[in-house]
Amino acid sequence: MGEVLDGVAVRRWCRLTAEALGRTRAEIDALNVFPVPDGDTGTNLYLTVLAAADALDELPAGEPPDAARIWRALVQGALLGARGNSGVILSQVFRGLADVLGPLEGPPDGTAFAGALDHASGLAREAVEHPVEGTILSVLAAAAAACGAESSGTGLAGVTRAAAEGARRALGRTTGQLDVLARSGVVDAGAAGLCVILDVLAAVVTEEYPERYEVPHRTAPPRTAGAPPPAEEHPEPRGPGYEVMYLLDAPDEAVHVLRERLDGLGDSLVVVGGDGLWNVHVHVDDAGAAIEAGMAAGRPHRIRVTYLDAGERPHAPHTGRAVIAVTAAGGLAALFEECGARVVRRETGTVPPLAVLAEAILAAGDEVAVLPNEPEVLALAEAAAERARDSGARIAVVPTKASVQGMAALAVHDPLRRFAEDVIEMTRAAGATRFGHLEVAQEEAVTSVGLCRPGDVLGLIEGDVVTIGADVADVARHLLDRMLSGGGELVTLIAGVHAPPALTGALEDHLRGRHPDVEVGVYDGGQERYPLLIGVE
């Protein structure tokens, strides 16, 4: 058939692009020297497109959905699955194409596609806080310009070919546009990946498939009079140490402030999305501060922290096995210490400095299990553990998302077991513990169970609001009954600073009457934000 970019063709393009990037990602990774030489650009592009392709595969079987629905699914999949600087930018390219091509009543012609690619180029550039020439942005702009020049009186096949050819020409120019590329004898890795993506698009539209998709190899740059020395004689200055990425649920108006805060913390800042959902990418030295900026703007989740530059290898003191627990509350800190853990304190509503957590792990011993006890701390703990593993120590992060899960993990900790077995048992105990808490609403908001107003008491199970009321004890009783509806043998109640004095006693009476077979443990946690923490094992 050819020369059609309908919903079926879009799906084919996405799946074949994932396959093509899967075959070429190692070659693209080898080109990766900018913005940091971490050798993962091809892999990040591959994983981003694969997430988009998987989202398309999840659409209902049967009659093919309309093109608009397919474009929406592709954009959402890429946004949620974007990896790295290049993947986040690519998700914005898909969004730009979808903005123009999705609403069309029929398949686009050459003019429509040229306009869509130009729009995508503009959106991608706007998403990058400090655009740099000689990157994927330059090549995308060149592809859009070549596409636009060809669009008058030319069909879709000619326009997509022009875009792919224009991108290839611009790719060759990137080496001369960035000094770091010239010194390394490479083209830009993200731009090389974009060329593969556009080559696949042209192949799908024209139905002319090449035997392979070309990726330029690294070449030794010629030495001429006055030329800079090779990269190893002229090392790049060390950049920020961590890549931080997260999805963010936040109102659009909060993102401008977030951009300013993150721009002051580091570089390679890219923020894409809209309608309340954003994908945030930044390179920083203080990963905790970048996450806290997201917490101030909205709700960060799927947090990933990657250690970019190990620098000098740390050395562990070799002092045996230890467990490290992270907490903000004094009472909880005492409980963890009583159970044998070393505690890293954090301020309420914040995450601990990554360097502090890494140093605590290094100082703890040869074998260390880390209990993050908050979803926002989990990614930091993984990054700190990765850094500490360079010392030769064995580090494991037990994925505890609440303090009650951390206590359950500590309850089964046995230093006489083999380390791997001990971590497995701690992980199993944490996973078997459902967690909930009470919280007092500070502002009006829409929840999954209705509208809440300031002063309302919210009952949450594993982060989701399940009940709203006016009385702390009533909401707590309702929450306990919900959590025990699927069974349970042990209930842990941890009272906060603002819990009513008689709360835990009233709840013990309630449990004796409604759930007499359940064992109850009551503790004073001293936490500021939550009047009550609940665990059910």
Protein backbone atom coordinates (compact mmCIF):
# COMPACT_ATOMS: atom_id res chain seq x y z
CA MET A 1 0.00 0.00 0.00
CA GLY A 2 2.63 2.60 1.09
CA GLU A 3 2.49 6.35 1.71
CA VAL A 4 0.08 6.00 4.66
CA LEU A 5 0.63 6.91 8.29
CA ASP A 6 -2.66 5.72 9.78
CA GLY A 7 -3.11 4.06 13.17
CA VAL A 8 -1.88 0.69 11.91
CA ALA A 9 1.25 2.28 10.42
CA VAL A 10 1.96 4.20 13.63
CA ARG A 11 1.85 0.96 15.60
CA ARG A 12 4.17 -0.71 13.08
CA TRP A 13 6.57 2.25 13.21
CA CYS A 14 6.74 2.12 17.01
CA ARG A 15 7.33 -1.64 17.20
CA LEU A 16 9.89 -1.69 14.35
CA THR A 17 11.68 1.30 15.90
CA ALA A 18 12.00 -0.59 19.18
CA GLU A 19 13.46 -3.54 17.28
CA ALA A 20 15.86 -1.32 15.33
CA LEU A 21 17.08 0.47 18.47
CA GLY A 22 17.44 -2.89 20.18
CA ARG A 23 19.86 -3.92 17.42
CA THR A 24 21.77 -0.63 17.33
CA ARG A 25 21.71 0.50 20.96
CA ALA A 26 25.23 -0.79 21.75
CA GLU A 27 26.63 1.18 18.80
CA ILE A 28 24.76 4.30 19.95
CA ASP A 29 25.87 3.77 23.55
CA ALA A 30 29.49 3.75 22.33
CA LEU A 31 29.06 7.29 20.96
CA ASN A 32 27.76 8.71 24.24
CA VAL A 33 30.11 11.40 25.56
CA PHE A 34 27.65 14.29 26.05
CA PRO A 35 26.22 15.56 28.38
CA VAL A 36 27.97 12.87 30.45
CA PRO A 37 29.96 9.89 29.13
CA ASP A 38 27.79 7.27 30.79
CA GLY A 39 27.33 5.09 27.70
CA ASP A 40 23.58 4.58 27.91
CA THR A 41 21.92 6.87 25.33
CA GLY A 42 21.06 4.04 22.92
CA THR A 43 19.71 1.93 25.76
CA ASN A 44 17.62 4.83 27.07
CA LEU A 45 16.10 5.52 23.64
CA TYR A 46 15.38 1.81 23.21
CA LEU A 47 13.66 1.50 26.59
CA THR A 48 11.61 4.66 25.95
CA VAL A 49 10.32 3.44 22.58
CA LEU A 50 9.77 -0.05 23.98
CA ALA A 51 7.55 1.44 26.73
CA ALA A 52 5.55 3.26 24.03
CA ALA A 53 5.23 0.07 21.96
CA ASP A 54 4.09 -1.89 25.01
CA ALA A 55 1.45 0.78 25.71
CA LEU A 56 0.13 0.34 22.16
CA ASP A 57 0.04 -3.44 22.62
CA GLU A 58 -2.17 -2.96 25.69
CA LEU A 59 -4.93 -1.31 23.65
CA PRO A 60 -8.05 -3.52 23.37
CA ALA A 61 -7.90 -6.26 20.76
CA GLY A 62 -10.37 -6.42 17.89
CA GLU A 63 -11.10 -3.46 15.68
CA PRO A 64 -8.10 -1.11 15.46
CA PRO A 65 -8.75 2.01 17.56
CA ASP A 66 -8.75 5.37 15.84
CA ALA A 67 -5.48 7.17 15.14
CA ALA A 68 -6.07 9.75 17.88
CA ARG A 69 -6.34 7.02 20.49
CA ILE A 70 -3.20 5.33 19.18
CA TRP A 71 -1.22 8.57 19.29
CA ARG A 72 -2.45 9.23 22.86
CA ALA A 73 -1.36 5.77 23.98
CA LEU A 74 2.03 6.16 22.32
CA VAL A 75 2.63 9.53 24.00
CA GLN A 76 1.51 8.29 27.41
CA GLY A 77 3.66 5.17 27.16
CA ALA A 78 6.73 7.18 26.17
CA LEU A 79 6.15 9.78 28.90
CA LEU A 80 5.80 7.17 31.64
CA GLY A 81 8.66 5.03 30.35
CA ALA A 82 11.13 7.73 29.29
CA ARG A 83 14.73 7.04 30.33
CA GLY A 84 17.56 9.53 30.43
CA ASN A 85 17.91 12.93 28.86
CA SER A 86 17.42 11.58 25.31
CA GLY A 87 14.37 9.49 26.20
CA VAL A 88 12.60 12.42 27.84
CA ILE A 89 13.26 14.61 24.78
CA LEU A 90 12.00 11.84 22.48
CA SER A 91 8.77 11.57 24.47
CA GLN A 92 8.23 15.25 23.71
CA VAL A 93 8.84 14.62 20.00
CA PHE A 94 6.07 12.02 20.06
CA ARG A 95 3.83 14.48 21.88
CA GLY A 96 4.41 17.13 19.21
CA LEU A 97 3.56 14.72 16.39
CA ALA A 98 0.45 13.60 18.24
CA ASP A 99 -0.72 17.18 18.81
CA VAL A 100 -0.95 17.75 15.06
CA LEU A 101 -1.59 14.30 13.57
CA GLY A 102 -3.90 12.85 16.23
CA PRO A 103 -6.90 15.15 15.59
CA LEU A 104 -6.82 14.68 11.78
CA GLU A 105 -9.90 12.96 10.34
CA GLY A 106 -7.79 10.91 7.92
CA PRO A 107 -4.16 9.90 7.41
CA PRO A 108 -1.80 12.89 7.09
CA ASP A 109 -0.38 14.09 3.79
CA GLY A 110 3.12 15.45 3.35
CA THR A 111 2.19 18.98 4.37
CA ALA A 112 0.52 17.84 7.58
CA PHE A 113 3.47 15.68 8.55
CA ALA A 114 5.94 18.50 7.88
CA GLY A 115 3.91 20.79 10.14
CA ALA A 116 3.78 18.10 12.83
CA LEU A 117 7.54 17.55 12.80
CA ASP A 118 8.17 21.29 12.99
CA HIS A 119 5.82 21.51 15.99
CA ALA A 120 7.58 18.54 17.62
CA SER A 121 10.96 20.23 17.14
CA GLY A 122 9.71 23.37 18.85
CA LEU A 123 8.24 21.47 21.80
CA ALA A 124 11.41 19.45 22.31
CA ARG A 125 13.57 22.57 22.35
CA GLU A 126 11.23 24.32 24.81
CA ALA A 127 11.45 21.34 27.18
CA VAL A 128 15.24 21.68 27.55
CA GLU A 129 16.20 24.44 29.96
CA HIS A 130 19.48 25.27 28.18
CA PRO A 131 19.46 23.92 24.60
CA VAL A 132 22.84 23.06 23.10
CA GLU A 133 23.64 22.93 19.38
CA GLY A 134 25.20 19.76 18.05
CA THR A 135 22.69 17.53 19.82
CA ILE A 136 19.44 15.73 19.07
CA LEU A 137 17.74 19.15 19.10
CA SER A 138 19.86 20.43 16.20
CA VAL A 139 19.30 17.30 14.13
CA LEU A 140 15.57 17.35 14.83
CA ALA A 141 15.38 20.98 13.69
CA ALA A 142 17.29 20.13 10.51
CA ALA A 143 14.97 17.20 9.81
CA ALA A 144 11.94 19.46 10.24
CA ALA A 145 13.46 22.10 7.94
CA ALA A 146 14.25 19.51 5.23
CA CYS A 147 10.77 18.10 5.62
CA GLY A 148 9.18 21.53 5.25
CA ALA A 149 11.24 22.37 2.15
CA GLU A 150 10.07 19.13 0.50
CA SER A 151 6.41 19.28 1.55
CA SER A 152 5.07 21.51 -1.21
CA GLY A 153 3.56 19.26 -3.87
CA THR A 154 5.27 16.15 -2.47
CA GLY A 155 3.58 13.11 -1.00
CA LEU A 156 4.12 11.65 2.44
CA ALA A 157 6.82 9.26 1.19
CA GLY A 158 8.95 12.10 -0.17
CA VAL A 159 8.53 14.16 2.97
CA THR A 160 9.50 11.38 5.37
CA ARG A 161 12.51 10.52 3.19
CA ALA A 162 13.51 14.19 3.23
CA ALA A 163 13.24 14.26 7.03
CA ALA A 164 15.44 11.16 7.37
CA GLU A 165 18.01 12.43 4.87
CA GLY A 166 18.08 15.91 6.42
CA ALA A 167 18.68 14.35 9.82
CA ARG A 168 21.56 12.25 8.49
CA ARG A 169 23.25 15.31 6.97
CA ALA A 170 22.85 17.24 10.22
CA LEU A 171 24.16 14.28 12.22
CA GLY A 172 27.50 14.54 10.41
CA ARG A 173 27.74 18.20 11.36
CA THR A 174 27.33 17.59 15.11
CA THR A 175 31.00 16.57 15.49
CA GLY A 176 32.04 20.07 14.56
CA GLN A 177 29.42 21.78 16.69
CA LEU A 178 30.54 20.47 20.09
CA ASP A 179 34.17 20.39 21.23
CA VAL A 180 33.67 17.26 23.30
CA LEU A 181 32.39 15.41 20.22
CA ALA A 182 35.30 16.63 18.10
CA ARG A 183 37.88 15.56 20.70
CA SER A 184 36.29 12.12 20.93
CA GLY A 185 35.79 11.68 17.19
CA VAL A 186 32.05 10.97 17.45
CA VAL A 187 28.70 12.29 16.36
CA ASP A 188 26.07 13.00 19.02
CA ALA A 189 24.61 9.77 20.37
CA GLY A 190 21.05 11.04 20.87
CA ALA A 191 21.05 12.48 17.36
CA ALA A 192 22.27 9.16 15.96
CA GLY A 193 19.35 7.45 17.66
CA LEU A 194 16.93 9.99 16.21
CA CYS A 195 18.25 9.20 12.74
CA VAL A 196 17.43 5.53 13.24
CA ILE A 197 13.92 6.48 14.39
CA LEU A 198 13.31 8.66 11.31
CA ASP A 199 14.84 6.02 9.00
CA VAL A 200 12.35 3.48 10.32
CA LEU A 201 9.49 5.94 9.81
CA ALA A 202 10.48 6.50 6.18
CA ALA A 203 10.75 2.73 5.69
CA VAL A 204 7.27 2.13 7.11
CA VAL A 205 5.71 4.86 4.93
CA THR A 206 7.49 3.80 1.73
CA GLU A 207 7.54 0.06 2.51
CA GLU A 208 11.21 0.05 1.52
CA TYR A 209 13.11 -1.56 4.38
CA PRO A 210 16.93 -1.46 4.51
CA GLU A 211 18.98 -4.47 5.55
CA ARG A 212 20.33 -2.52 8.52
CA TYR A 213 20.14 0.93 10.07
CA GLU A 214 23.46 2.76 10.06
CA VAL A 215 25.13 4.18 13.15
CA PRO A 216 28.44 6.05 12.57
CA HIS A 217 31.39 4.55 14.40
CA ARG A 218 33.82 6.43 16.60
CA THR A 219 36.78 7.67 14.58
CA ALA A 220 40.11 9.11 15.71
CA PRO A 221 39.96 12.84 14.92
CA PRO A 222 42.83 14.05 12.73
CA ARG A 223 45.55 16.05 14.48
CA THR A 224 46.23 19.36 12.76
CA ALA A 225 48.16 22.43 13.75
CA GLY A 226 46.38 24.21 16.54
CA ALA A 227 43.92 21.37 17.08
CA PRO A 228 43.00 20.45 20.66
CA PRO A 229 44.74 17.39 22.13
CA PRO A 230 42.95 14.03 22.32
CA ALA A 231 40.33 13.57 25.03
CA GLU A 232 42.66 11.64 27.36
CA GLU A 233 45.14 14.57 27.27
CA HIS A 234 42.40 17.14 27.70
CA PRO A 235 39.89 15.63 30.16
CA GLU A 236 36.43 17.05 30.48
CA PRO A 237 35.67 18.82 33.76
CA ARG A 238 33.72 16.60 36.12
CA GLY A 239 30.00 17.33 36.04
CA PRO A 240 27.26 16.63 38.59
CA GLY A 241 27.41 13.24 40.23
CA TYR A 242 23.80 12.05 39.97
CA GLU A 243 21.07 11.71 37.39
CA VAL A 244 17.66 12.16 39.03
CA MET A 245 14.44 11.27 37.23
CA TYR A 246 10.89 11.06 38.46
CA LEU A 247 7.30 11.30 37.37
CA LEU A 248 5.51 14.18 39.03
CA ASP A 249 1.83 14.74 39.71
CA ALA A 250 1.62 18.52 39.93
CA PRO A 251 -0.47 21.44 38.64
CA ASP A 252 0.96 23.14 35.59
CA GLU A 253 1.53 26.40 37.46
CA ALA A 254 3.88 24.68 39.95
CA VAL A 255 6.24 23.47 37.24
CA HIS A 256 7.66 26.93 36.46
CA VAL A 257 8.89 27.26 40.05
CA LEU A 258 10.20 23.68 39.94
CA ARG A 259 12.21 24.42 36.80
CA GLU A 260 13.84 27.42 38.47
CA ARG A 261 14.76 25.41 41.58
CA LEU A 262 16.20 22.50 39.61
CA ASP A 263 18.07 24.79 37.22
CA GLY A 264 19.85 26.24 40.24
CA LEU A 265 20.81 22.77 41.46
CA GLY A 266 22.38 21.26 38.33
CA ASP A 267 22.25 20.89 34.56
CA SER A 268 20.79 18.75 31.74
CA LEU A 269 17.36 19.81 32.97
CA VAL A 270 14.42 18.55 30.92
CA VAL A 271 10.80 18.72 32.08
CA VAL A 272 8.08 17.39 29.79
CA GLY A 273 4.40 16.57 30.11
CA GLY A 274 1.27 18.48 30.95
CA ASP A 275 -2.28 18.12 32.29
CA GLY A 276 -0.95 17.38 35.77
CA LEU A 277 1.60 14.66 34.85
CA TRP A 278 5.27 15.48 34.20
CA ASN A 279 8.52 13.64 33.59
CA VAL A 280 11.48 15.36 35.24
CA HIS A 281 15.16 14.78 34.42
CA VAL A 282 18.18 16.61 35.87
CA HIS A 283 21.86 16.04 36.67
CA VAL A 284 22.80 17.28 40.17
CA ASP A 285 25.28 16.85 42.99
CA ASP A 286 22.54 16.85 45.63
CA ALA A 287 20.01 14.21 44.61
CA GLY A 288 18.00 14.72 47.79
CA ALA A 289 17.47 18.40 47.03
CA ALA A 290 16.19 17.55 43.54
CA ILE A 291 13.65 15.13 45.00
CA GLU A 292 12.62 17.64 47.66
CA ALA A 293 11.99 20.22 44.91
CA GLY A 294 9.58 17.75 43.37
CA MET A 295 7.90 17.15 46.72
CA ALA A 296 7.38 20.91 47.09
CA ALA A 297 5.74 21.06 43.65
CA GLY A 298 3.55 17.96 43.89
CA ARG A 299 3.87 14.19 44.29
CA PRO A 300 7.01 12.64 42.81
CA HIS A 301 6.92 8.90 42.10
CA ARG A 302 8.89 6.30 40.12
CA ILE A 303 11.99 8.08 41.41
CA ARG A 304 15.29 6.94 39.90
CA VAL A 305 18.70 8.13 41.07
CA THR A 306 21.77 7.03 39.10
CA TYR A 307 25.31 7.59 40.30
CA LEU A 308 27.15 9.11 37.32
CA ASP A 309 30.71 9.55 38.57
CA ALA A 310 32.19 7.34 41.24
CA GLY A 311 35.39 9.37 41.52
CA GLU A 312 37.75 7.84 44.07
CA ARG A 313 36.62 4.46 45.28
CA PRO A 314 35.50 4.50 48.93
CA HIS A 315 36.74 1.96 51.42
CA ALA A 316 34.62 0.16 53.99
CA PRO A 317 36.02 -0.45 57.46
CA HIS A 318 35.03 -4.16 57.47
CA THR A 319 33.17 -4.36 60.75
CA GLY A 320 30.65 -7.15 60.16
CA ARG A 321 26.93 -6.99 59.41
CA ALA A 322 24.59 -4.07 60.12
CA VAL A 323 21.12 -2.76 59.38
CA ILE A 324 20.54 0.93 58.65
CA ALA A 325 17.07 2.45 59.08
CA VAL A 326 16.04 5.90 57.85
CA THR A 327 13.47 7.86 59.85
CA ALA A 328 12.43 11.40 60.73
CA ALA A 329 10.86 10.78 64.15
CA GLY A 330 12.69 10.55 67.48
CA GLY A 331 10.48 7.83 68.88
CA LEU A 332 10.80 5.72 65.76
CA ALA A 333 14.56 6.24 65.82
CA ALA A 334 14.66 4.88 69.37
CA LEU A 335 12.52 1.88 68.36
CA PHE A 336 14.82 1.03 65.46
CA GLU A 337 17.89 1.39 67.65
CA GLU A 338 16.36 -0.86 70.31
CA CYS A 339 15.92 -3.49 67.60
CA GLY A 340 19.60 -3.25 66.69
CA ALA A 341 19.55 -0.88 63.70
CA ARG A 342 21.77 2.11 63.05
CA VAL A 343 19.61 5.15 62.32
CA VAL A 344 20.01 7.87 59.70
CA ARG A 345 17.79 10.80 60.63
CA ARG A 346 16.03 13.03 58.12
CA GLU A 347 13.93 16.16 58.59
CA THR A 348 10.15 15.73 58.43
CA GLY A 349 8.93 16.07 54.85
CA THR A 350 12.42 15.74 53.36
CA VAL A 351 14.83 13.03 52.28
CA PRO A 352 18.30 12.55 53.80
CA PRO A 353 21.35 13.91 51.95
CA LEU A 354 22.59 11.16 49.68
CA ALA A 355 26.20 11.67 50.79
CA VAL A 356 25.19 11.24 54.45
CA LEU A 357 23.35 8.00 53.69
CA ALA A 358 26.26 6.66 51.60
CA GLU A 359 28.76 7.50 54.36
CA ALA A 360 26.58 5.75 56.95
CA ILE A 361 26.47 2.64 54.78
CA LEU A 362 30.23 2.71 54.28
CA ALA A 363 30.84 3.06 58.01
CA ALA A 364 28.44 0.25 58.94
CA GLY A 365 30.36 -2.84 57.85
CA ASP A 366 31.03 -5.56 55.29
CA GLU A 367 27.38 -6.56 54.94
CA VAL A 368 24.70 -3.90 55.21
CA ALA A 369 20.92 -4.03 54.79
CA VAL A 370 19.25 -0.64 54.31
CA LEU A 371 15.64 0.10 55.32
CA PRO A 372 14.46 3.31 53.51
CA ASN A 373 10.99 3.30 55.14
CA GLU A 374 9.59 5.90 52.69
CA PRO A 375 8.91 5.65 48.92
CA GLU A 376 10.84 8.88 48.31
CA VAL A 377 13.90 7.55 50.14
CA LEU A 378 13.97 4.22 48.28
CA ALA A 379 15.67 5.55 45.11
CA LEU A 380 18.23 7.48 47.19
CA ALA A 381 19.03 4.35 49.16
CA GLU A 382 19.64 2.42 45.92
CA ALA A 383 22.00 5.14 44.66
CA ALA A 384 23.84 5.29 47.99
CA ALA A 385 24.16 1.51 47.99
CA GLU A 386 25.55 1.52 44.45
CA ARG A 387 28.17 4.05 45.51
CA ALA A 388 29.08 2.09 48.63
CA ARG A 389 29.42 -1.20 46.73
CA ASP A 390 32.58 0.17 45.11
CA SER A 391 34.23 -0.43 48.49
CA GLY A 392 33.73 -4.17 48.15
CA ALA A 393 31.01 -4.33 50.81
CA ARG A 394 27.82 -6.33 50.24
CA ILE A 395 24.88 -3.92 50.31
CA ALA A 396 21.18 -4.73 49.99
CA VAL A 397 18.25 -2.33 50.04
CA VAL A 398 15.14 -3.90 51.55
CA PRO A 399 12.27 -2.06 49.78
CA THR A 400 10.40 -0.86 52.87
CA LYS A 401 7.98 1.95 52.06
CA ALA A 402 6.80 2.61 55.62
CA SER A 403 8.25 2.49 59.13
CA VAL A 404 5.99 -0.42 60.10
CA GLN A 405 7.47 -2.42 57.23
CA GLY A 406 10.94 -1.56 58.51
CA MET A 407 10.01 -2.78 61.99
CA ALA A 408 8.62 -6.01 60.53
CA ALA A 409 11.87 -6.54 58.62
CA LEU A 410 13.97 -5.93 61.73
CA ALA A 411 11.85 -8.35 63.73
CA VAL A 412 13.06 -11.27 61.58
CA HIS A 413 16.64 -10.02 61.10
CA ASP A 414 19.13 -12.70 62.13
CA PRO A 415 22.86 -11.86 61.85
CA LEU A 416 23.73 -15.56 62.19
CA ARG A 417 22.06 -16.39 58.86
CA ARG A 418 23.85 -16.03 55.56
CA PHE A 419 23.50 -12.45 54.33
CA ALA A 420 21.44 -13.29 51.24
CA GLU A 421 19.03 -15.44 53.26
CA ASP A 422 18.70 -12.73 55.91
CA VAL A 423 17.83 -10.12 53.26
CA ILE A 424 15.27 -12.47 51.69
CA GLU A 425 13.55 -13.03 55.03
CA MET A 426 13.54 -9.31 55.83
CA THR A 427 12.12 -8.51 52.40
CA ARG A 428 9.47 -11.18 52.78
CA ALA A 429 8.40 -9.85 56.20
CA ALA A 430 8.23 -6.28 54.91
CA GLY A 431 6.20 -7.33 51.87
CA ALA A 432 3.73 -9.21 54.07
CA THR A 433 3.01 -6.04 56.10
CA ARG A 434 0.22 -3.78 54.90
CA PHE A 435 0.66 -0.20 56.01
CA GLY A 436 -1.71 2.67 56.62
CA HIS A 437 -1.80 5.99 58.40
CA LEU A 438 -3.97 8.90 59.48
CA GLU A 439 -3.34 12.38 58.18
CA VAL A 440 -5.09 15.72 58.74
CA ALA A 441 -5.89 17.55 55.49
CA GLN A 442 -4.20 20.95 55.19
CA GLU A 443 -6.14 22.16 52.15
CA GLU A 444 -9.14 21.33 50.02
CA ALA A 445 -8.47 18.52 47.57
CA VAL A 446 -10.20 15.84 45.51
CA THR A 447 -9.40 12.30 46.65
CA SER A 448 -10.40 8.87 45.36
CA VAL A 449 -13.28 8.82 47.89
CA GLY A 450 -14.46 12.40 47.50
CA LEU A 451 -13.66 15.98 48.42
CA CYS A 452 -11.70 16.71 51.60
CA ARG A 453 -11.46 20.07 53.34
CA PRO A 454 -8.90 21.53 55.74
CA GLY A 455 -9.13 19.80 59.11
CA ASP A 456 -10.67 16.58 57.76
CA VAL A 457 -9.06 13.36 58.98
CA LEU A 458 -7.89 11.13 56.12
CA GLY A 459 -7.36 7.39 56.40
CA LEU A 460 -4.85 6.03 53.88
CA ILE A 461 -3.85 2.48 52.99
CA GLU A 462 -0.51 2.18 51.19
CA GLY A 463 -0.74 5.78 50.02
CA ASP A 464 -4.36 5.80 48.83
CA VAL A 465 -7.14 7.65 50.67
CA VAL A 466 -9.88 5.16 51.58
CA THR A 467 -11.91 7.08 54.18
CA ILE A 468 -12.54 10.67 55.29
CA GLY A 469 -14.07 11.78 58.60
CA ALA A 470 -14.13 14.40 61.31
CA ASP A 471 -13.00 12.31 64.29
CA VAL A 472 -9.55 10.75 64.56
CA ALA A 473 -10.72 7.68 66.51
CA ASP A 474 -13.66 6.98 64.18
CA VAL A 475 -11.47 7.18 61.08
CA ALA A 476 -8.83 4.98 62.74
CA ARG A 477 -11.40 2.31 63.62
CA HIS A 478 -12.76 2.31 60.08
CA LEU A 479 -9.23 2.11 58.67
CA LEU A 480 -8.31 -0.83 60.93
CA ASP A 481 -11.43 -2.75 59.91
CA ARG A 482 -10.60 -2.18 56.23
CA MET A 483 -7.04 -3.34 56.69
CA LEU A 484 -8.09 -6.46 58.60
CA SER A 485 -10.87 -7.41 56.19
CA GLY A 486 -8.42 -9.68 54.36
CA GLY A 487 -7.06 -11.18 57.58
CA GLY A 488 -4.11 -10.47 59.83
CA GLU A 489 -2.35 -11.79 62.91
CA LEU A 490 -0.45 -8.78 64.26
CA VAL A 491 -1.43 -5.10 64.33
CA THR A 492 1.17 -2.45 65.08
CA LEU A 493 -0.04 0.99 66.22
CA ILE A 494 2.49 3.84 66.34
CA ALA A 495 1.16 7.06 67.86
CA GLY A 496 2.40 10.43 66.66
CA VAL A 497 2.94 13.72 68.50
CA HIS A 498 -0.57 14.96 67.68
CA ALA A 499 -2.47 11.77 68.49
CA PRO A 500 -5.23 12.20 71.10
CA PRO A 501 -4.04 10.77 74.45
CA ALA A 502 -6.71 8.05 74.59
CA LEU A 503 -6.49 7.03 70.92
CA THR A 504 -4.40 3.87 71.14
CA GLY A 505 -6.28 2.61 74.20
CA ALA A 506 -9.62 3.06 72.41
CA LEU A 507 -8.28 1.22 69.37
CA GLU A 508 -7.02 -1.66 71.51
CA ASP A 509 -10.54 -1.98 72.98
CA HIS A 510 -12.01 -1.93 69.49
CA LEU A 511 -9.66 -4.66 68.29
CA ARG A 512 -10.40 -6.86 71.31
CA GLY A 513 -14.10 -6.59 70.55
CA ARG A 514 -14.05 -6.91 66.74
CA HIS A 515 -10.86 -8.90 66.13
CA PRO A 516 -10.11 -10.84 69.33
CA ASP A 517 -7.56 -13.17 67.70
CA VAL A 518 -5.29 -10.35 66.59
CA GLU A 519 -2.16 -9.54 68.59
CA VAL A 520 -1.60 -5.79 69.13
CA GLY A 521 1.63 -3.86 69.65
CA VAL A 522 1.49 -0.16 70.66
CA TYR A 523 4.42 2.24 70.43
CA ASP A 524 5.13 5.96 70.72
CA GLY A 525 6.71 7.01 67.45
CA GLY A 526 6.91 10.75 67.96
CA GLN A 527 6.23 11.47 64.27
CA GLU A 528 5.00 15.01 63.52
CA ARG A 529 2.93 14.63 60.38
CA TYR A 530 0.88 11.50 61.01
CA PRO A 531 -1.22 11.08 64.19
CA LEU A 532 -1.13 7.31 63.73
CA LEU A 533 0.82 4.73 61.75
CA ILE A 534 -0.69 1.25 61.32
CA GLY A 535 0.85 -2.03 60.25
CA VAL A 536 -0.99 -5.31 59.67
CA GLU A 537 0.95 -8.56 59.32
